[in-house]
């Protein structure tokens, strides 16, 4: 597999999956917060999923901060590109840095 094949065929699939998973993580965390505020219990079997979800959300948040910082050099709007990078993850940063090198 060469880099062009990966960019053309794999990146769009990863973007879709990442967006769905991050949106699901936001919903899962919202449910957890709602359960806490209404004094309801969330099944303890979901604790590993919550930790994975929090790790993913934290890493995507850090990536979005980096994207916002470097967006001006790629002639992008910082807030929009940070939001995009939050949902698609590392691929957003790869695209931003690839445009800088062109």
C-alpha atoms as a PDB file:
ATOM      1  CA  UNK A   1       0.000   0.000   0.000  1.00  0.00           C
ATOM      2  CA  UNK A   2       1.342   3.376  -0.930  1.00  0.00           C
ATOM      3  CA  UNK A   3       0.566   6.703   0.713  1.00  0.00           C
ATOM      4  CA  UNK A   4      -1.808   7.876  -2.027  1.00  0.00           C
ATOM      5  CA  UNK A   5      -3.890   4.709  -1.677  1.00  0.00           C
ATOM      6  CA  UNK A   6      -4.103   5.206   2.084  1.00  0.00           C
ATOM      7  CA  UNK A   7      -5.094   8.874   1.775  1.00  0.00           C
ATOM      8  CA  UNK A   8      -7.691   8.180  -0.885  1.00  0.00           C
ATOM      9  CA  UNK A   9      -9.283   5.005   0.505  1.00  0.00           C
ATOM     10  CA  UNK A  10      -8.477   4.617   4.192  1.00  0.00           C
ATOM     11  CA  UNK A  11      -8.673   8.218   5.466  1.00  0.00           C
ATOM     12  CA  UNK A  12     -12.373   8.733   4.587  1.00  0.00           C
ATOM     13  CA  UNK A  13     -13.316   5.482   6.322  1.00  0.00           C
ATOM     14  CA  UNK A  14     -11.326   6.383   9.435  1.00  0.00           C
ATOM     15  CA  UNK A  15     -12.886   9.873   9.450  1.00  0.00           C
ATOM     16  CA  UNK A  16     -16.405   8.428   9.405  1.00  0.00           C
ATOM     17  CA  UNK A  17     -15.662   5.862  12.103  1.00  0.00           C
ATOM     18  CA  UNK A  18     -13.890   8.434  14.277  1.00  0.00           C
ATOM     19  CA  UNK A  19     -16.742  10.924  13.989  1.00  0.00           C
ATOM     20  CA  UNK A  20     -19.300   8.271  14.948  1.00  0.00           C
ATOM     21  CA  UNK A  21     -17.219   7.061  17.894  1.00  0.00           C
ATOM     22  CA  UNK A  22     -16.481  10.544  19.254  1.00  0.00           C
ATOM     23  CA  UNK A  23     -20.153  11.503  18.941  1.00  0.00           C
ATOM     24  CA  UNK A  24     -21.051   8.290  20.778  1.00  0.00           C
ATOM     25  CA  UNK A  25     -18.468   9.105  23.451  1.00  0.00           C
ATOM     26  CA  UNK A  26     -20.047  12.520  23.960  1.00  0.00           C
ATOM     27  CA  UNK A  27     -23.439  10.847  24.334  1.00  0.00           C
ATOM     28  CA  UNK A  28     -22.058   8.256  26.739  1.00  0.00           C
ATOM     29  CA  UNK A  29     -20.424  10.919  28.883  1.00  0.00           C
ATOM     30  CA  UNK A  30     -23.640  12.979  28.823  1.00  0.00           C
ATOM     31  CA  UNK A  31     -25.544   9.924  30.040  1.00  0.00           C
ATOM     32  CA  UNK A  32     -22.996   9.427  32.822  1.00  0.00           C
ATOM     33  CA  UNK A  33     -23.304  13.061  33.922  1.00  0.00           C
ATOM     34  CA  UNK A  34     -27.106  12.885  33.788  1.00  0.00           C
ATOM     35  CA  UNK A  35     -27.064   9.708  35.881  1.00  0.00           C
ATOM     36  CA  UNK A  36     -24.798  11.378  38.423  1.00  0.00           C
ATOM     37  CA  UNK A  37     -26.996  14.493  38.664  1.00  0.00           C
ATOM     38  CA  UNK A  38     -30.192  12.460  39.075  1.00  0.00           C
ATOM     39  CA  UNK A  39     -28.655  10.022  41.591  1.00  0.00           C
ATOM     40  CA  UNK A  40     -28.998   7.017  39.285  1.00  0.00           C
ATOM     41  CA  UNK A  41     -26.479   4.264  38.881  1.00  0.00           C
ATOM     42  CA  UNK A  42     -24.631   3.442  35.702  1.00  0.00           C
ATOM     43  CA  UNK A  43     -23.713  -0.236  35.391  1.00  0.00           C
ATOM     44  CA  UNK A  44     -20.220  -0.794  36.763  1.00  0.00           C
ATOM     45  CA  UNK A  45     -19.446  -3.081  33.836  1.00  0.00           C
ATOM     46  CA  UNK A  46     -19.241   0.083  31.697  1.00  0.00           C
ATOM     47  CA  UNK A  47     -16.332   1.543  33.698  1.00  0.00           C
ATOM     48  CA  UNK A  48     -13.638   0.269  31.266  1.00  0.00           C
ATOM     49  CA  UNK A  49     -15.589   1.786  28.372  1.00  0.00           C
ATOM     50  CA  UNK A  50     -15.796   5.102  30.229  1.00  0.00           C
ATOM     51  CA  UNK A  51     -12.021   5.139  30.739  1.00  0.00           C
ATOM     52  CA  UNK A  52     -11.341   4.355  27.078  1.00  0.00           C
ATOM     53  CA  UNK A  53     -13.850   7.010  26.035  1.00  0.00           C
ATOM     54  CA  UNK A  54     -12.281   9.606  28.308  1.00  0.00           C
ATOM     55  CA  UNK A  55      -8.807   8.822  27.016  1.00  0.00           C
ATOM     56  CA  UNK A  56     -10.016   9.189  23.410  1.00  0.00           C
ATOM     57  CA  UNK A  57     -11.837  12.435  24.151  1.00  0.00           C
ATOM     58  CA  UNK A  58      -8.789  13.853  25.945  1.00  0.00           C
ATOM     59  CA  UNK A  59      -6.421  12.950  23.133  1.00  0.00           C
ATOM     60  CA  UNK A  60      -8.784  14.368  20.506  1.00  0.00           C
ATOM     61  CA  UNK A  61      -9.129  17.535  22.586  1.00  0.00           C
ATOM     62  CA  UNK A  62      -5.346  17.948  22.743  1.00  0.00           C
ATOM     63  CA  UNK A  63      -5.145  17.377  18.983  1.00  0.00           C
ATOM     64  CA  UNK A  64      -7.818  20.014  18.421  1.00  0.00           C
ATOM     65  CA  UNK A  65      -5.843  22.533  20.498  1.00  0.00           C
ATOM     66  CA  UNK A  66      -2.754  21.833  18.383  1.00  0.00           C
ATOM     67  CA  UNK A  67      -4.844  22.206  15.214  1.00  0.00           C
ATOM     68  CA  UNK A  68      -6.258  25.527  16.393  1.00  0.00           C
ATOM     69  CA  UNK A  69      -2.772  26.792  17.124  1.00  0.00           C
ATOM     70  CA  UNK A  70      -1.402  25.826  13.694  1.00  0.00           C
ATOM     71  CA  UNK A  71      -4.523  26.547  11.629  1.00  0.00           C
ATOM     72  CA  UNK A  72      -3.412  30.053  10.647  1.00  0.00           C
ATOM     73  CA  UNK A  73      -0.268  28.718   9.007  1.00  0.00           C
ATOM     74  CA  UNK A  74      -2.448  26.422   6.897  1.00  0.00           C
ATOM     75  CA  UNK A  75      -4.783  29.337   6.088  1.00  0.00           C
ATOM     76  CA  UNK A  76      -7.668  27.746   8.003  1.00  0.00           C
ATOM     77  CA  UNK A  77     -10.042  29.204  10.560  1.00  0.00           C
ATOM     78  CA  UNK A  78      -8.839  28.017  14.001  1.00  0.00           C
ATOM     79  CA  UNK A  79     -12.212  27.243  15.603  1.00  0.00           C
ATOM     80  CA  UNK A  80     -13.573  25.377  12.596  1.00  0.00           C
ATOM     81  CA  UNK A  81     -10.428  23.357  12.071  1.00  0.00           C
ATOM     82  CA  UNK A  82     -10.138  22.591  15.785  1.00  0.00           C
ATOM     83  CA  UNK A  83     -13.697  21.256  15.755  1.00  0.00           C
ATOM     84  CA  UNK A  84     -12.964  19.218  12.632  1.00  0.00           C
ATOM     85  CA  UNK A  85      -9.800  17.802  14.195  1.00  0.00           C
ATOM     86  CA  UNK A  86     -11.641  17.005  17.428  1.00  0.00           C
ATOM     87  CA  UNK A  87     -14.020  14.746  15.530  1.00  0.00           C
ATOM     88  CA  UNK A  88     -11.605  13.147  13.016  1.00  0.00           C
ATOM     89  CA  UNK A  89      -8.536  12.991  15.234  1.00  0.00           C
ATOM     90  CA  UNK A  90      -4.974  12.670  14.038  1.00  0.00           C
ATOM     91  CA  UNK A  91      -6.016  12.655  10.382  1.00  0.00           C
ATOM     92  CA  UNK A  92      -7.029  16.303  10.747  1.00  0.00           C
ATOM     93  CA  UNK A  93      -3.537  17.149  11.955  1.00  0.00           C
ATOM     94  CA  UNK A  94      -1.949  15.114   9.174  1.00  0.00           C
ATOM     95  CA  UNK A  95      -4.005  16.993   6.597  1.00  0.00           C
ATOM     96  CA  UNK A  96      -3.134  20.349   8.147  1.00  0.00           C
ATOM     97  CA  UNK A  97       0.595  19.650   8.234  1.00  0.00           C
ATOM     98  CA  UNK A  98       0.499  18.153   4.729  1.00  0.00           C
ATOM     99  CA  UNK A  99      -1.006  21.408   3.409  1.00  0.00           C
ATOM    100  CA  UNK A 100       1.745  23.395   5.146  1.00  0.00           C
ATOM    101  CA  UNK A 101       4.399  21.429   3.285  1.00  0.00           C
ATOM    102  CA  UNK A 102       2.850  22.061  -0.149  1.00  0.00           C
END
